[in-house]
Amino acid sequence: MRIAAQHRSWLKAMAFDSLAGAAIGSIVALAILWLDVANLGTLVASSHQGFAYAALLTAGFAHVFAMAVCGTGIWFRATHQPDLHEYPSER
């Protein structure tokens, strides 16, 4: 039962980290388009398929940031994870 509790704890943390990273990545990608960094916003806006390009850019940034934040979260959690005996037992 302790192992299952530890696994649930890890899965919850990884899901939260992934969602937070994806949100941050989406915000960064949309900010790049909105602030027209390197004329990228203008290029996307003038394209016939601008929405598709913006969606692909946003999805790519969301994926990369989600992986980075989740990997960092795993690294920190593995370093500071309590031992298995600190989880509730079956009793």
C-alpha atoms as a PDB file:
ATOM      1  CA  MET A   1       0.000   0.000   0.000  1.00  0.00           C
ATOM      2  CA  ARG A   2       2.894   2.339   0.724  1.00  0.00           C
ATOM      3  CA  ILE A   3       4.304   1.831  -2.745  1.00  0.00           C
ATOM      4  CA  ALA A   4       0.911   2.614  -4.299  1.00  0.00           C
ATOM      5  CA  ALA A   5       0.682   5.797  -2.224  1.00  0.00           C
ATOM      6  CA  GLN A   6       4.156   6.802  -3.341  1.00  0.00           C
ATOM      7  CA  HIS A   7       3.298   6.115  -6.990  1.00  0.00           C
ATOM      8  CA  ARG A   8       0.090   8.160  -6.764  1.00  0.00           C
ATOM      9  CA  SER A   9       2.056  10.979  -5.201  1.00  0.00           C
ATOM     10  CA  TRP A  10       4.623  10.908  -7.994  1.00  0.00           C
ATOM     11  CA  LEU A  11       1.979  10.728 -10.738  1.00  0.00           C
ATOM     12  CA  LYS A  12       0.077  13.684  -9.289  1.00  0.00           C
ATOM     13  CA  ALA A  13       3.269  15.722  -9.098  1.00  0.00           C
ATOM     14  CA  MET A  14       4.237  14.820 -12.674  1.00  0.00           C
ATOM     15  CA  ALA A  15       0.779  15.688 -14.000  1.00  0.00           C
ATOM     16  CA  PHE A  16       0.818  19.043 -12.225  1.00  0.00           C
ATOM     17  CA  ASP A  17       4.349  19.813 -13.438  1.00  0.00           C
ATOM     18  CA  SER A  18       3.464  18.891 -17.019  1.00  0.00           C
ATOM     19  CA  LEU A  19       0.343  21.047 -17.034  1.00  0.00           C
ATOM     20  CA  ALA A  20       2.189  23.983 -15.479  1.00  0.00           C
ATOM     21  CA  GLY A  21       4.997  23.668 -18.034  1.00  0.00           C
ATOM     22  CA  ALA A  22       2.541  23.462 -20.922  1.00  0.00           C
ATOM     23  CA  ALA A  23       0.757  26.572 -19.684  1.00  0.00           C
ATOM     24  CA  ILE A  24       4.036  28.470 -19.368  1.00  0.00           C
ATOM     25  CA  GLY A  25       5.138  27.344 -22.840  1.00  0.00           C
ATOM     26  CA  SER A  26       1.829  28.409 -24.369  1.00  0.00           C
ATOM     27  CA  ILE A  27       2.054  31.814 -22.736  1.00  0.00           C
ATOM     28  CA  VAL A  28       5.630  32.280 -23.977  1.00  0.00           C
ATOM     29  CA  ALA A  29       4.709  31.281 -27.551  1.00  0.00           C
ATOM     30  CA  LEU A  30       1.691  33.575 -27.618  1.00  0.00           C
ATOM     31  CA  ALA A  31       3.773  36.398 -26.126  1.00  0.00           C
ATOM     32  CA  ILE A  32       6.344  35.946 -28.893  1.00  0.00           C
ATOM     33  CA  LEU A  33       3.586  36.259 -31.482  1.00  0.00           C
ATOM     34  CA  TRP A  34       1.824  39.115 -29.699  1.00  0.00           C
ATOM     35  CA  LEU A  35       5.011  41.148 -29.167  1.00  0.00           C
ATOM     36  CA  ASP A  36       6.101  40.426 -32.749  1.00  0.00           C
ATOM     37  CA  VAL A  37       9.553  39.176 -31.803  1.00  0.00           C
ATOM     38  CA  ALA A  38      11.765  39.023 -34.929  1.00  0.00           C
ATOM     39  CA  ASN A  39       8.694  39.848 -37.063  1.00  0.00           C
ATOM     40  CA  LEU A  40       7.305  36.390 -36.341  1.00  0.00           C
ATOM     41  CA  GLY A  41       3.885  37.739 -35.403  1.00  0.00           C
ATOM     42  CA  THR A  42       3.641  39.686 -38.645  1.00  0.00           C
ATOM     43  CA  LEU A  43       4.684  36.667 -40.705  1.00  0.00           C
ATOM     44  CA  VAL A  44       2.101  34.452 -39.026  1.00  0.00           C
ATOM     45  CA  ALA A  45      -0.638  37.090 -39.260  1.00  0.00           C
ATOM     46  CA  SER A  46      -0.032  37.691 -42.986  1.00  0.00           C
ATOM     47  CA  SER A  47      -0.086  33.990 -43.824  1.00  0.00           C
ATOM     48  CA  HIS A  48      -3.173  32.327 -45.251  1.00  0.00           C
ATOM     49  CA  GLN A  49      -2.876  29.610 -42.617  1.00  0.00           C
ATOM     50  CA  GLY A  50      -1.804  31.826 -39.733  1.00  0.00           C
ATOM     51  CA  PHE A  51      -3.935  30.059 -37.153  1.00  0.00           C
ATOM     52  CA  ALA A  52      -2.394  26.694 -38.024  1.00  0.00           C
ATOM     53  CA  TYR A  53       1.130  28.101 -37.756  1.00  0.00           C
ATOM     54  CA  ALA A  54       0.326  29.772 -34.441  1.00  0.00           C
ATOM     55  CA  ALA A  55      -1.195  26.535 -33.137  1.00  0.00           C
ATOM     56  CA  LEU A  56       1.864  24.521 -34.191  1.00  0.00           C
ATOM     57  CA  LEU A  57       4.230  27.022 -32.597  1.00  0.00           C
ATOM     58  CA  THR A  58       2.191  27.098 -29.390  1.00  0.00           C
ATOM     59  CA  ALA A  59       1.934  23.304 -29.236  1.00  0.00           C
ATOM     60  CA  GLY A  60       5.668  22.946 -29.783  1.00  0.00           C
ATOM     61  CA  PHE A  61       6.522  25.423 -27.039  1.00  0.00           C
ATOM     62  CA  ALA A  62       3.971  23.817 -24.697  1.00  0.00           C
ATOM     63  CA  HIS A  63       5.482  20.382 -25.284  1.00  0.00           C
ATOM     64  CA  VAL A  64       9.076  21.502 -24.767  1.00  0.00           C
ATOM     65  CA  PHE A  65       8.272  23.491 -21.627  1.00  0.00           C
ATOM     66  CA  ALA A  66       6.152  20.634 -20.219  1.00  0.00           C
ATOM     67  CA  MET A  67       9.062  18.207 -20.665  1.00  0.00           C
ATOM     68  CA  ALA A  68      11.543  20.634 -19.126  1.00  0.00           C
ATOM     69  CA  VAL A  69       9.388  21.455 -16.092  1.00  0.00           C
ATOM     70  CA  CYS A  70       8.416  17.817 -15.532  1.00  0.00           C
ATOM     71  CA  GLY A  71      12.042  16.692 -15.801  1.00  0.00           C
ATOM     72  CA  THR A  72      13.138  19.374 -13.359  1.00  0.00           C
ATOM     73  CA  GLY A  73      10.317  18.406 -11.005  1.00  0.00           C
ATOM     74  CA  ILE A  74      11.341  14.746 -11.110  1.00  0.00           C
ATOM     75  CA  TRP A  75      14.945  15.699 -10.451  1.00  0.00           C
ATOM     76  CA  PHE A  76      14.102  17.881  -7.441  1.00  0.00           C
ATOM     77  CA  ARG A  77      11.539  15.427  -6.091  1.00  0.00           C
ATOM     78  CA  ALA A  78      13.939  12.488  -6.368  1.00  0.00           C
ATOM     79  CA  THR A  79      16.531  14.502  -4.464  1.00  0.00           C
ATOM     80  CA  HIS A  80      14.145  15.494  -1.658  1.00  0.00           C
ATOM     81  CA  GLN A  81      11.723  12.531  -1.699  1.00  0.00           C
ATOM     82  CA  PRO A  82      10.889  11.158   1.740  1.00  0.00           C
ATOM     83  CA  ASP A  83      11.754   7.542   2.323  1.00  0.00           C
ATOM     84  CA  LEU A  84       9.140   4.904   1.714  1.00  0.00           C
ATOM     85  CA  HIS A  85       8.592   4.325   5.434  1.00  0.00           C
ATOM     86  CA  GLU A  86       7.154   7.838   5.768  1.00  0.00           C
ATOM     87  CA  TYR A  87       4.129   6.928   3.655  1.00  0.00           C
ATOM     88  CA  PRO A  88       1.054   5.435   5.359  1.00  0.00           C
ATOM     89  CA  SER A  89       1.156   1.695   5.810  1.00  0.00           C
ATOM     90  CA  GLU A  90      -1.592  -0.854   5.299  1.00  0.00           C
ATOM     91  CA  ARG A  91      -2.344  -0.933   9.006  1.00  0.00           C
END
